[in-house]
């Protein structure tokens, strides 16, 4: 019998079976888009019987229009095709693609179902309509569609795999088992299928057959300790502890350092109330120089969980960490783990950082330790130390964008704009398809801020455009971009749309309200501008005490334009008190008081 996957990985896979409904109904488009090919573009053999030169020309014209993006012309042509030959599947399918693209799911489904009815032998149509049923949670029809597809392709175990999931959603265990047997007829028996059957028997409370499946695996793999551990765990869960204990011991005879067997034996001792044996085994695992680090890490995690359940006393846990590190002084993962635990227990930052620094001294390329130290000292504004650590991070981990971010931000806070811009540009150079959109967006946003500050508006606006391509709701970038456009008095409609998004996202943010009011003011929309600047200031005029000088000055300008000179001069005076440009503001007051 062939083995497809490691036993423990199979257990992880089996754990998702109860959540099949969620897995099936997420991320499936109503209509699968495929590149134009002979199956989807050419007229079928059935259609050819009723095909005419006019139909052929109209259909090909429609496809051409659709590929060129002229959907309205394409849809008109498809309608004409259907009028000529109502039994031609292709126009319905192409219409379904259009409706799916435009978000009209009901019409997309109708046309797709019609295409599938007209051409039951077309796999593309049948699979797409089956996926549409899944999207609509119509599992009965989805099952019927996939069973029909399987009738035409009895070698397709992938179709059977979907059917197993669909029957699982309906808790139809009989058909799940029958479908697995069909899969085994195609691919042969495998450990994966045996485990899956065991899980299904468990779900329907058939412990006899569940045990039979596990015993079958153990009989076929007598020297595989992981199977013994799995069977032991199953026996533990079914109150057959003595048999489980024998299996754990047998597994450890086969592999004395088997992580799963050690962990399971430890759980056995705890469940039996034999805490002395459990503690002895734990210490033996942690303090041995032969135990693998991943086994020690798992045991320490368990010790932390148990410590928290017993009141959260950190001293015994820290003692375990220290003695474990003494046995494995180069185990960076364990040192980092201790530091994280110390941080969670709110221990002094200097002690936490010293522990991370110990890991970094052993392994300078350890990004976890370096990142934590930077984050822990960030609030101290020790920019030179952060620059040093971040620079080293970019050298040891050049692919890690966070180090460029910290480096650029530290330079920015130190008013070293050129160095900050260089750091961000280097970080942008590391972007790939796995990059975090939030981080990439912030990179470009910060570049935009710096470039505008350096009087390079075109480059700044290009950076903001890139920022918004990665994250179109980056409100800080939207606000800054909009405000800088207003300063340039250009693209005010675009600026207005961006600024409105920030106000909708944070309706009480005075900075965003001020930007939006100012953009409206520049478009001579006086009453609207006044309404939003009032919201920026607050309904009570005394709240101008907390507003920035720029916001208060803008409010004065807006009130002035609205014809309320007294309120305008009052606001300008308050802007002076808030630290605004006294000379410029006094000139405004003097000018308008004379009028």
Protein backbone atom coordinates (compact mmCIF):
# COMPACT_ATOMS: atom_id res chain seq x y z
CA UNK A 1 0.00 0.00 0.00
CA UNK A 2 1.41 3.40 -0.90
CA UNK A 3 1.86 6.25 1.57
CA UNK A 4 0.93 9.68 0.20
CA UNK A 5 1.54 11.89 3.23
CA UNK A 6 3.19 11.70 6.66
CA UNK A 7 0.83 10.46 9.38
CA UNK A 8 0.86 13.67 11.43
CA UNK A 9 0.16 15.78 8.38
CA UNK A 10 -2.77 13.50 7.65
CA UNK A 11 -4.19 14.16 11.09
CA UNK A 12 -4.02 17.87 10.38
CA UNK A 13 -5.82 17.30 7.09
CA UNK A 14 -8.44 15.18 8.79
CA UNK A 15 -9.13 17.93 11.30
CA UNK A 16 -10.62 20.09 8.53
CA UNK A 17 -13.32 17.59 7.56
CA UNK A 18 -15.99 19.09 9.89
CA UNK A 19 -15.40 22.51 8.30
CA UNK A 20 -15.95 21.35 4.74
CA UNK A 21 -18.95 23.60 4.21
CA UNK A 22 -16.87 26.67 4.84
CA UNK A 23 -14.05 25.46 2.62
CA UNK A 24 -16.39 24.65 -0.20
CA UNK A 25 -18.25 27.93 -0.16
CA UNK A 26 -15.35 30.36 0.02
CA UNK A 27 -13.34 31.73 -2.85
CA UNK A 28 -15.27 30.09 -5.72
CA UNK A 29 -16.32 32.35 -8.56
CA UNK A 30 -19.71 31.75 -10.14
CA UNK A 31 -18.13 31.42 -13.57
CA UNK A 32 -14.58 30.31 -14.15
CA UNK A 33 -12.81 32.55 -16.64
CA UNK A 34 -10.75 30.61 -19.13
CA UNK A 35 -8.60 31.75 -21.99
CA UNK A 36 -10.43 31.50 -25.30
CA UNK A 37 -9.91 28.02 -26.71
CA UNK A 38 -11.47 25.55 -29.06
CA UNK A 39 -13.90 24.28 -26.41
CA UNK A 40 -15.33 27.65 -25.49
CA UNK A 41 -15.08 29.67 -28.70
CA UNK A 42 -15.81 27.24 -31.46
CA UNK A 43 -19.37 26.26 -32.28
CA UNK A 44 -20.20 22.76 -31.02
CA UNK A 45 -20.98 19.81 -33.25
CA UNK A 46 -24.62 19.88 -32.11
CA UNK A 47 -24.87 23.56 -32.94
CA UNK A 48 -23.37 23.02 -36.37
CA UNK A 49 -26.39 20.99 -37.34
CA UNK A 50 -28.44 24.17 -37.05
CA UNK A 51 -25.58 26.58 -37.79
CA UNK A 52 -25.80 29.11 -40.55
CA UNK A 53 -23.21 31.43 -42.07
CA UNK A 54 -25.05 34.35 -40.43
CA UNK A 55 -24.90 32.68 -37.01
CA UNK A 56 -21.19 31.91 -37.40
CA UNK A 57 -20.38 35.49 -38.42
CA UNK A 58 -22.45 37.02 -35.63
CA UNK A 59 -20.93 34.73 -33.01
CA UNK A 60 -17.34 35.40 -34.07
CA UNK A 61 -18.05 39.13 -34.22
CA UNK A 62 -19.49 38.96 -30.70
CA UNK A 63 -16.43 37.17 -29.35
CA UNK A 64 -14.23 39.76 -31.00
CA UNK A 65 -16.20 42.61 -29.46
CA UNK A 66 -16.07 40.94 -26.05
CA UNK A 67 -12.32 40.40 -26.18
CA UNK A 68 -11.90 44.03 -27.25
CA UNK A 69 -13.90 45.20 -24.23
CA UNK A 70 -16.98 46.36 -26.18
CA UNK A 71 -19.44 44.39 -24.07
CA UNK A 72 -22.62 46.14 -25.15
CA UNK A 73 -21.99 45.35 -28.82
CA UNK A 74 -20.99 41.79 -27.91
CA UNK A 75 -24.18 41.19 -25.93
CA UNK A 76 -26.34 42.47 -28.76
CA UNK A 77 -24.63 40.03 -31.14
CA UNK A 78 -25.08 37.11 -28.71
CA UNK A 79 -28.79 37.96 -28.46
CA UNK A 80 -28.99 37.79 -32.24
CA UNK A 81 -27.20 34.42 -32.22
CA UNK A 82 -29.73 33.01 -29.74
CA UNK A 83 -32.62 34.35 -31.83
CA UNK A 84 -31.24 32.43 -34.83
CA UNK A 85 -30.43 29.24 -32.90
CA UNK A 86 -31.91 28.99 -29.35
CA UNK A 87 -30.19 25.61 -28.88
CA UNK A 88 -26.64 26.90 -29.33
CA UNK A 89 -24.85 26.73 -25.98
CA UNK A 90 -21.91 29.01 -26.76
CA UNK A 91 -23.73 32.37 -26.76
CA UNK A 92 -25.25 31.54 -23.38
CA UNK A 93 -21.82 30.69 -21.98
CA UNK A 94 -20.26 33.89 -23.31
CA UNK A 95 -23.14 35.90 -21.86
CA UNK A 96 -22.56 34.18 -18.51
CA UNK A 97 -18.94 35.38 -18.57
CA UNK A 98 -20.12 38.95 -19.10
CA UNK A 99 -22.70 38.84 -16.31
CA UNK A 100 -20.17 37.29 -13.92
CA UNK A 101 -17.69 40.07 -14.69
CA UNK A 102 -20.31 42.75 -14.05
CA UNK A 103 -21.49 41.20 -10.77
CA UNK A 104 -24.90 40.05 -11.98
CA UNK A 105 -24.70 36.59 -10.42
CA UNK A 106 -28.31 35.58 -11.02
CA UNK A 107 -28.13 36.21 -14.79
CA UNK A 108 -24.68 34.62 -14.94
CA UNK A 109 -26.06 31.49 -13.26
CA UNK A 110 -29.13 31.36 -15.54
CA UNK A 111 -27.04 31.58 -18.73
CA UNK A 112 -24.48 29.12 -17.44
CA UNK A 113 -27.15 26.60 -16.49
CA UNK A 114 -28.70 26.97 -19.94
CA UNK A 115 -25.33 26.36 -21.63
CA UNK A 116 -24.76 23.26 -19.48
CA UNK A 117 -28.24 21.92 -20.31
CA UNK A 118 -27.64 22.38 -24.03
CA UNK A 119 -24.20 20.75 -23.94
CA UNK A 120 -24.16 18.14 -21.14
CA UNK A 121 -20.90 16.73 -22.48
CA UNK A 122 -18.99 20.02 -22.17
CA UNK A 123 -16.79 19.71 -19.07
CA UNK A 124 -16.13 23.45 -18.84
CA UNK A 125 -19.82 24.25 -18.68
CA UNK A 126 -20.63 21.42 -16.27
CA UNK A 127 -17.85 22.24 -13.81
CA UNK A 128 -18.64 25.94 -13.84
CA UNK A 129 -22.31 25.37 -13.18
CA UNK A 130 -21.46 22.92 -10.39
CA UNK A 131 -19.22 25.55 -8.77
CA UNK A 132 -22.06 28.04 -9.08
CA UNK A 133 -24.30 25.68 -7.13
CA UNK A 134 -21.66 25.45 -4.41
CA UNK A 135 -21.42 29.23 -4.29
CA UNK A 136 -25.18 29.39 -3.82
CA UNK A 137 -24.96 26.61 -1.17
CA UNK A 138 -27.26 24.48 -3.30
CA UNK A 139 -25.36 21.32 -2.40
CA UNK A 140 -27.96 18.87 -3.69
CA UNK A 141 -27.72 20.25 -7.22
CA UNK A 142 -23.94 20.52 -6.92
CA UNK A 143 -23.77 16.82 -6.02
CA UNK A 144 -26.01 15.97 -8.96
CA UNK A 145 -23.80 18.02 -11.31
CA UNK A 146 -20.56 16.41 -10.15
CA UNK A 147 -22.04 12.93 -10.21
CA UNK A 148 -23.12 13.60 -13.80
CA UNK A 149 -19.61 14.80 -14.63
CA UNK A 150 -18.11 11.68 -13.08
CA UNK A 151 -20.32 9.46 -15.23
CA UNK A 152 -18.56 10.89 -18.28
CA UNK A 153 -15.06 10.76 -16.72
CA UNK A 154 -14.66 7.77 -14.43
CA UNK A 155 -10.90 8.36 -14.21
CA UNK A 156 -11.24 11.74 -12.49
CA UNK A 157 -10.56 11.23 -8.81
CA UNK A 158 -10.49 15.02 -8.35
CA UNK A 159 -14.24 15.07 -9.06
CA UNK A 160 -14.73 12.33 -6.49
CA UNK A 161 -12.69 14.32 -3.98
CA UNK A 162 -15.13 17.23 -4.34
CA UNK A 163 -18.04 14.83 -3.99
CA UNK A 164 -16.60 13.50 -0.72
CA UNK A 165 -16.55 17.07 0.59
CA UNK A 166 -20.08 17.77 -0.62
CA UNK A 167 -21.44 14.62 0.99
CA UNK A 168 -19.54 15.66 4.11
CA UNK A 169 -21.35 19.00 4.19
CA UNK A 170 -24.63 17.08 4.23
CA UNK A 171 -23.27 14.59 6.81
CA UNK A 172 -24.08 11.81 4.36
CA UNK A 173 -21.46 9.43 5.74
CA UNK A 174 -22.66 6.45 3.72
CA UNK A 175 -22.07 8.22 0.42
CA UNK A 176 -18.80 9.68 1.70
CA UNK A 177 -17.48 6.16 2.32
CA UNK A 178 -18.85 4.86 -0.98
CA UNK A 179 -17.18 7.73 -2.85
CA UNK A 180 -13.85 7.06 -1.13
CA UNK A 181 -14.11 3.46 -2.29
CA UNK A 182 -14.59 4.75 -5.84
CA UNK A 183 -11.45 6.87 -5.43
CA UNK A 184 -9.54 3.81 -4.27
CA UNK A 185 -10.61 1.96 -7.41
CA UNK A 186 -8.92 4.69 -9.45
CA UNK A 187 -5.84 5.50 -7.36
CA UNK A 188 -5.52 2.40 -5.22
CA UNK A 189 -5.66 2.19 -1.45
CA UNK A 190 -3.55 4.61 0.57
CA UNK A 191 -2.94 5.55 4.18
CA UNK A 192 -4.57 8.90 3.50
CA UNK A 193 -7.82 7.25 2.43
CA UNK A 194 -7.73 4.90 5.41
CA UNK A 195 -7.33 7.82 7.80
CA UNK A 196 -10.17 9.64 6.09
CA UNK A 197 -12.43 6.63 6.46
CA UNK A 198 -11.44 6.35 10.11
CA UNK A 199 -12.42 9.98 10.64
CA UNK A 200 -15.79 9.43 8.96
CA UNK A 201 -16.48 6.39 11.15
CA UNK A 202 -15.64 8.55 14.17
CA UNK A 203 -18.08 11.23 13.05
CA UNK A 204 -20.92 8.75 12.78
CA UNK A 205 -19.98 7.22 16.18
CA UNK A 206 -18.94 3.90 14.63
CA UNK A 207 -16.05 3.22 17.00
CA UNK A 208 -15.75 -0.41 15.95
CA UNK A 209 -14.90 0.44 12.35
CA UNK A 210 -12.82 3.47 13.35
CA UNK A 211 -10.67 1.17 15.49
CA UNK A 212 -10.53 -1.35 12.65
CA UNK A 213 -9.09 1.31 10.31
CA UNK A 214 -6.39 2.32 12.83
CA UNK A 215 -5.51 -1.29 13.58
CA UNK A 216 -5.24 -1.99 9.87
CA UNK A 217 -2.68 0.80 9.51
CA UNK A 218 -0.69 -0.42 12.51
CA UNK A 219 -0.71 -3.98 11.24
CA UNK A 220 0.54 -2.83 7.85
CA UNK A 221 3.23 -0.59 9.39
CA UNK A 222 4.44 -2.43 12.50
CA UNK A 223 7.67 -0.39 12.69
CA UNK A 224 6.11 3.05 12.30
CA UNK A 225 6.00 4.64 15.79
CA UNK A 226 3.73 7.50 14.73
CA UNK A 227 0.93 5.09 13.89
CA UNK A 228 1.27 3.52 17.31
CA UNK A 229 1.03 6.95 18.93
CA UNK A 230 -2.09 7.78 16.91
CA UNK A 231 -3.72 4.55 17.90
CA UNK A 232 -2.67 5.15 21.50
CA UNK A 233 -4.22 8.62 21.46
CA UNK A 234 -7.42 7.15 20.04
CA UNK A 235 -7.50 4.54 22.80
CA UNK A 236 -6.88 7.27 25.41
CA UNK A 237 -9.90 9.18 24.10
CA UNK A 238 -11.99 6.02 24.42
CA UNK A 239 -10.97 5.17 28.02
CA UNK A 240 -8.63 2.34 27.09
CA UNK A 241 -5.64 3.85 28.87
CA UNK A 242 -3.74 0.67 29.68
CA UNK A 243 -3.60 -0.29 26.00
CA UNK A 244 -2.63 3.27 25.11
CA UNK A 245 0.24 3.21 27.63
CA UNK A 246 1.63 0.02 26.06
CA UNK A 247 1.53 1.58 22.60
CA UNK A 248 3.32 4.76 23.76
CA UNK A 249 6.04 2.66 25.37
CA UNK A 250 6.32 0.52 22.23
CA UNK A 251 6.64 3.63 20.05
CA UNK A 252 9.45 4.94 22.28
CA UNK A 253 11.26 1.60 21.94
CA UNK A 254 11.21 2.15 18.18
CA UNK A 255 12.27 5.81 18.49
CA UNK A 256 13.43 7.03 21.92
CA UNK A 257 13.22 10.70 20.88
CA UNK A 258 9.87 10.53 19.15
CA UNK A 259 8.25 13.88 19.95
CA UNK A 260 4.67 12.64 19.59
CA UNK A 261 5.22 9.58 21.72
CA UNK A 262 6.92 11.59 24.49
CA UNK A 263 4.19 14.23 24.45
CA UNK A 264 1.44 11.60 24.50
CA UNK A 265 3.09 9.68 27.34
CA UNK A 266 3.38 12.95 29.25
CA UNK A 267 -0.36 13.58 28.72
CA UNK A 268 -1.03 10.02 29.86
CA UNK A 269 0.76 10.60 33.17
CA UNK A 270 -1.06 13.89 33.73
CA UNK A 271 -4.46 12.38 32.97
CA UNK A 272 -3.70 9.49 35.35
CA UNK A 273 -2.80 11.95 38.11
CA UNK A 274 0.79 10.72 38.21
CA UNK A 275 2.34 14.19 38.31
CA UNK A 276 5.70 12.97 39.59
CA UNK A 277 6.16 10.73 36.54
CA UNK A 278 4.93 13.53 34.27
CA UNK A 279 7.37 16.07 35.75
CA UNK A 280 10.22 13.56 35.60
CA UNK A 281 9.51 12.82 31.94
CA UNK A 282 9.22 16.55 31.15
CA UNK A 283 12.55 17.30 32.81
CA UNK A 284 14.16 14.35 31.08
CA UNK A 285 12.98 15.71 27.73
CA UNK A 286 13.95 19.33 28.39
CA UNK A 287 17.35 18.84 30.03
CA UNK A 288 18.66 16.13 27.74
CA UNK A 289 21.30 17.11 25.20
CA UNK A 290 19.88 14.50 22.85
CA UNK A 291 16.31 15.79 22.60
CA UNK A 292 15.51 17.67 19.40
CA UNK A 293 14.91 21.38 19.83
CA UNK A 294 11.42 21.20 18.31
CA UNK A 295 10.48 18.60 20.95
CA UNK A 296 11.77 20.86 23.72
CA UNK A 297 9.90 23.82 22.27
CA UNK A 298 6.64 21.88 22.22
CA UNK A 299 7.16 20.75 25.82
CA UNK A 300 7.93 24.30 26.99
CA UNK A 301 4.77 25.56 25.29
CA UNK A 302 2.82 22.93 27.20
CA UNK A 303 4.53 23.95 30.45
CA UNK A 304 3.50 27.59 29.82
CA UNK A 305 -0.12 26.58 29.22
CA UNK A 306 -0.18 24.49 32.39
CA UNK A 307 1.45 27.30 34.38
CA UNK A 308 -1.20 29.76 33.24
CA UNK A 309 -3.98 27.35 34.23
CA UNK A 310 -2.42 27.01 37.69
CA UNK A 311 -2.30 30.74 38.36
CA UNK A 312 0.36 32.10 36.04
CA UNK A 313 3.40 31.97 38.36
CA UNK A 314 6.33 32.72 36.04
CA UNK A 315 9.18 31.58 38.33
CA UNK A 316 8.81 27.79 37.74
CA UNK A 317 8.47 28.36 33.99
CA UNK A 318 11.53 30.63 33.85
CA UNK A 319 13.46 28.03 35.81
CA UNK A 320 12.52 25.44 33.19
CA UNK A 321 13.68 27.84 30.45
CA UNK A 322 17.00 28.51 32.16
CA UNK A 323 17.80 24.84 32.76
CA UNK A 324 16.76 23.97 29.20
CA UNK A 325 18.98 26.73 27.78
CA UNK A 326 21.82 25.50 29.98
CA UNK A 327 21.48 22.08 28.30
CA UNK A 328 21.13 23.67 24.84
CA UNK A 329 23.01 27.01 25.02
CA UNK A 330 22.89 27.59 21.26
CA UNK A 331 19.17 26.95 20.90
CA UNK A 332 18.11 30.35 19.58
CA UNK A 333 14.46 29.35 19.21
CA UNK A 334 14.23 28.54 22.92
CA UNK A 335 16.03 31.77 23.90
CA UNK A 336 13.62 33.78 21.75
CA UNK A 337 10.73 31.87 23.25
CA UNK A 338 11.89 32.78 26.75
CA UNK A 339 12.11 36.46 25.76
CA UNK A 340 8.60 36.41 24.29
CA UNK A 341 7.30 34.77 27.47
CA UNK A 342 9.02 37.43 29.57
CA UNK A 343 7.42 40.12 27.43
CA UNK A 344 3.97 38.55 27.84
CA UNK A 345 4.50 38.50 31.60
CA UNK A 346 5.30 42.25 31.51
CA UNK A 347 8.85 41.85 32.75
CA UNK A 348 11.27 44.82 32.49
CA UNK A 349 12.00 45.77 28.89
CA UNK A 350 15.76 45.80 29.52
CA UNK A 351 15.64 42.17 30.68
CA UNK A 352 13.55 41.15 27.70
CA UNK A 353 15.89 42.92 25.28
CA UNK A 354 18.93 41.36 26.94
CA UNK A 355 17.44 37.92 26.30
CA UNK A 356 16.74 38.74 22.65
CA UNK A 357 20.27 40.18 22.38
CA UNK A 358 21.64 36.85 23.60
CA UNK A 359 19.89 35.12 20.70
CA UNK A 360 21.15 37.75 18.28
CA UNK A 361 24.74 37.28 19.48
CA UNK A 362 24.50 33.59 18.63
CA UNK A 363 22.65 34.09 15.35
CA UNK A 364 22.97 37.64 13.91
CA UNK A 365 20.61 36.75 11.06
CA UNK A 366 17.79 35.93 13.49
CA UNK A 367 15.13 38.37 12.34
CA UNK A 368 12.72 37.59 15.19
CA UNK A 369 15.16 38.70 17.89
CA UNK A 370 16.27 41.81 16.01
CA UNK A 371 12.73 42.87 15.18
CA UNK A 372 11.62 42.54 18.78
CA UNK A 373 14.52 44.60 20.09
CA UNK A 374 13.76 47.38 17.59
CA UNK A 375 10.07 47.40 18.51
CA UNK A 376 10.85 47.37 22.24
CA UNK A 377 13.17 50.41 22.06
CA UNK A 378 11.12 52.36 19.49
CA UNK A 379 9.27 54.43 22.08
CA UNK A 380 12.57 55.58 23.60
CA UNK A 381 13.30 57.53 20.38
CA UNK A 382 16.85 56.20 20.32
CA UNK A 383 17.02 56.68 16.58
CA UNK A 384 20.75 56.01 16.21
CA UNK A 385 20.46 52.62 17.90
CA UNK A 386 17.42 51.76 15.76
CA UNK A 387 19.29 52.85 12.61
CA UNK A 388 22.23 50.60 13.58
CA UNK A 389 20.02 47.57 14.29
CA UNK A 390 17.89 48.10 11.17
CA UNK A 391 20.90 48.59 8.92
CA UNK A 392 22.35 45.32 10.16
CA UNK A 393 18.95 43.71 9.58
CA UNK A 394 18.95 44.79 5.93
CA UNK A 395 22.38 43.18 5.56
CA UNK A 396 21.60 39.88 7.29
CA UNK A 397 17.99 39.66 6.03
CA UNK A 398 17.85 41.72 2.81
CA UNK A 399 14.48 40.20 1.88
CA UNK A 400 12.79 41.37 5.11
CA UNK A 401 10.99 44.61 4.24
CA UNK A 402 10.26 45.53 7.86
CA UNK A 403 13.90 46.41 8.46
CA UNK A 404 13.84 48.94 5.60
CA UNK A 405 10.65 50.36 7.09
CA UNK A 406 12.20 50.80 10.55
CA UNK A 407 15.37 52.19 9.00
CA UNK A 408 13.50 54.69 6.85
CA UNK A 409 11.26 55.77 9.72
CA UNK A 410 14.23 56.25 12.06
CA UNK A 411 15.97 58.39 9.44
CA UNK A 412 12.72 60.31 8.88
CA UNK A 413 12.36 60.99 12.61
CA UNK A 414 16.00 62.18 12.62
CA UNK A 415 15.21 64.65 9.78
CA UNK A 416 17.52 62.75 7.44
CA UNK A 417 15.11 62.75 4.51
CA UNK A 418 17.60 61.67 1.83
CA UNK A 419 18.66 58.65 3.88
CA UNK A 420 15.02 57.83 4.65
CA UNK A 421 14.09 58.00 0.97
CA UNK A 422 17.03 55.75 0.08
CA UNK A 423 15.93 53.19 2.71
CA UNK A 424 12.35 53.16 1.43
CA UNK A 425 13.51 52.81 -2.19
CA UNK A 426 15.69 49.85 -1.20
CA UNK A 427 12.71 48.31 0.57
CA UNK A 428 10.50 48.77 -2.48
CA UNK A 429 13.12 46.85 -4.44
CA UNK A 430 12.35 43.79 -2.32
CA UNK A 431 8.62 43.73 -3.15
CA UNK A 432 7.31 40.40 -4.42
CA UNK A 433 3.95 38.68 -4.80
CA UNK A 434 4.05 37.60 -1.15
CA UNK A 435 4.68 41.08 0.25
CA UNK A 436 2.24 42.46 2.81
CA UNK A 437 0.08 45.05 0.97
CA UNK A 438 -0.18 47.21 4.10
CA UNK A 439 3.60 47.49 4.44
CA UNK A 440 4.17 48.11 0.73
CA UNK A 441 1.45 50.76 0.72
CA UNK A 442 3.05 52.53 3.68
CA UNK A 443 6.44 52.45 1.96
CA UNK A 444 5.09 54.31 -1.05
CA UNK A 445 3.06 56.67 1.15
CA UNK A 446 6.14 57.69 3.13
CA UNK A 447 8.10 58.11 -0.09
CA UNK A 448 5.33 60.41 -1.33
CA UNK A 449 5.49 62.49 1.86
CA UNK A 450 9.26 62.90 1.60
CA UNK A 451 9.27 63.63 -2.13
CA UNK A 452 6.63 66.32 -1.73
CA UNK A 453 8.60 67.81 1.14
CA UNK A 454 11.62 67.89 -1.22
CA UNK A 455 9.52 69.87 -3.73
CA UNK A 456 9.16 66.98 -6.17
CA UNK A 457 5.36 66.87 -6.57
CA UNK A 458 5.27 64.72 -9.72
CA UNK A 459 7.40 62.00 -8.13
CA UNK A 460 5.41 62.33 -4.92
CA UNK A 461 2.08 61.88 -6.69
CA UNK A 462 3.44 58.87 -8.59
CA UNK A 463 4.46 57.33 -5.26
CA UNK A 464 0.98 57.96 -3.83
CA UNK A 465 -0.58 56.33 -6.90
CA UNK A 466 1.57 53.24 -6.29
CA UNK A 467 0.60 53.32 -2.62
CA UNK A 468 -3.10 53.27 -3.44
CA UNK A 469 -2.70 50.47 -5.96
CA UNK A 470 -1.54 48.27 -3.07
CA UNK A 471 -4.10 49.54 -0.55
CA UNK A 472 -6.81 51.82 -1.86
CA UNK A 473 -8.11 52.65 1.63
CA UNK A 474 -4.83 53.92 3.11
CA UNK A 475 -6.49 56.93 4.73
CA UNK A 476 -3.28 58.73 5.71
CA UNK A 477 -2.01 58.58 2.14
CA UNK A 478 -5.43 59.56 0.75
CA UNK A 479 -5.52 62.62 3.00
CA UNK A 480 -1.96 63.73 2.26
CA UNK A 481 -2.33 63.12 -1.47
CA UNK A 482 -5.59 65.08 -1.56
CA UNK A 483 -4.20 67.96 0.48
CA UNK A 484 -1.04 68.26 -1.60
CA UNK A 485 -3.13 68.30 -4.78
CA UNK A 486 -5.14 71.14 -3.25
CA UNK A 487 -1.92 73.01 -2.49
CA UNK A 488 -1.04 72.64 -6.16
CA UNK A 489 -4.63 73.65 -7.05
CA UNK A 490 -4.91 70.74 -9.48
CA UNK A 491 -7.12 67.68 -9.96
CA UNK A 492 -9.49 69.02 -7.33
CA UNK A 493 -12.25 66.54 -8.22
CA UNK A 494 -9.83 63.66 -7.71
CA UNK A 495 -8.63 65.27 -4.48
CA UNK A 496 -12.24 65.67 -3.33
CA UNK A 497 -13.04 61.99 -3.94
CA UNK A 498 -9.96 60.83 -2.05
CA UNK A 499 -10.58 63.22 0.84
CA UNK A 500 -14.21 62.15 1.12
CA UNK A 501 -13.06 58.54 1.66
CA UNK A 502 -11.00 59.65 4.66
CA UNK A 503 -13.94 61.56 6.17
CA UNK A 504 -16.21 58.55 5.70
CA UNK A 505 -13.59 56.32 7.31
CA UNK A 506 -12.92 58.64 10.27
CA UNK A 507 -15.79 61.13 10.52
CA UNK A 508 -14.44 62.84 13.68
CA UNK A 509 -10.83 63.30 12.51
CA UNK A 510 -10.30 67.08 12.42
CA UNK A 511 -7.33 66.83 10.03
CA UNK A 512 -9.34 64.89 7.45
CA UNK A 513 -12.36 67.17 7.88
CA UNK A 514 -10.13 70.20 7.39
CA UNK A 515 -8.64 68.78 4.18
CA UNK A 516 -12.09 68.05 2.76
CA UNK A 517 -13.41 71.50 3.76
CA UNK A 518 -10.39 73.18 2.17
CA UNK A 519 -10.84 71.31 -1.12
CA UNK A 520 -14.51 72.35 -1.20
CA UNK A 521 -13.44 75.93 -0.43
CA UNK A 522 -11.06 75.92 -3.43
CA UNK A 523 -14.02 74.89 -5.61
CA UNK A 524 -16.08 77.85 -4.33
CA UNK A 525 -18.51 75.55 -2.53
CA UNK A 526 -18.70 77.88 0.41
CA UNK A 527 -21.63 76.50 2.42
CA UNK A 528 -20.39 72.91 2.19
CA UNK A 529 -16.87 73.97 3.16
CA UNK A 530 -18.22 75.87 6.17
CA UNK A 531 -20.24 72.85 7.34
CA UNK A 532 -17.17 70.58 7.28
CA UNK A 533 -14.77 73.11 8.81
CA UNK A 534 -17.26 73.54 11.66
CA UNK A 535 -17.10 69.80 12.22
CA UNK A 536 -13.30 70.04 12.21
CA UNK A 537 -13.41 72.75 14.87
CA UNK A 538 -16.27 71.22 16.84
CA UNK A 539 -19.71 72.66 17.50
CA UNK A 540 -18.46 74.70 20.48
CA UNK A 541 -16.15 77.53 19.47
CA UNK A 542 -14.03 76.90 22.57
CA UNK A 543 -12.82 73.65 20.98
CA UNK A 544 -10.67 75.72 18.64
CA UNK A 545 -8.25 75.68 21.57
CA UNK A 546 -7.39 72.08 20.63
CA UNK A 547 -7.32 72.56 16.85
CA UNK A 548 -4.08 73.21 14.99
CA UNK A 549 -3.20 76.70 13.80
CA UNK A 550 -3.56 75.56 10.17
CA UNK A 551 -7.10 74.25 10.73
CA UNK A 552 -8.15 77.43 12.54
CA UNK A 553 -6.64 79.62 9.81
CA UNK A 554 -8.48 77.63 7.15
CA UNK A 555 -11.68 78.12 9.12
CA UNK A 556 -11.05 81.88 9.09
CA UNK A 557 -10.48 81.87 5.33
CA UNK A 558 -13.69 79.90 4.76
CA UNK A 559 -15.79 82.17 6.98
CA UNK A 560 -14.28 85.17 5.23
CA UNK A 561 -15.33 83.80 1.84
CA UNK A 562 -18.79 83.11 3.22
CA UNK A 563 -19.05 86.81 4.17
CA UNK A 564 -18.75 86.49 7.96
CA UNK A 565 -15.76 88.82 8.48
CA UNK A 566 -16.18 89.13 12.25
CA UNK A 567 -16.01 85.36 12.73
CA UNK A 568 -13.12 85.17 10.27
CA UNK A 569 -11.00 87.73 12.12
CA UNK A 570 -11.82 86.04 15.42
CA UNK A 571 -10.56 82.73 14.04
CA UNK A 572 -7.41 84.24 12.55
CA UNK A 573 -6.60 85.75 15.95
CA UNK A 574 -7.05 82.31 17.52
CA UNK A 575 -4.75 80.87 14.84
CA UNK A 576 -2.09 83.37 15.96
CA UNK A 577 -2.60 82.25 19.58
CA UNK A 578 -2.23 78.63 18.45
CA UNK A 579 1.19 79.37 16.93
CA UNK A 580 0.30 80.29 13.35
CA UNK A 581 2.24 82.69 11.13
CA UNK A 582 1.62 85.89 13.06
CA UNK A 583 2.73 88.34 10.36
CA UNK A 584 0.63 86.74 7.63
CA UNK A 585 -2.42 86.39 9.84
CA UNK A 586 -2.21 89.97 11.08
CA UNK A 587 -2.09 91.17 7.48
CA UNK A 588 -5.35 89.28 6.81
CA UNK A 589 -6.98 90.76 9.90
CA UNK A 590 -5.88 94.27 8.99
CA UNK A 591 -6.99 93.90 5.37
CA UNK A 592 -10.50 92.65 6.12
CA UNK A 593 -11.17 94.88 9.14
CA UNK A 594 -10.87 97.89 6.84
CA UNK A 595 -13.63 96.55 4.58
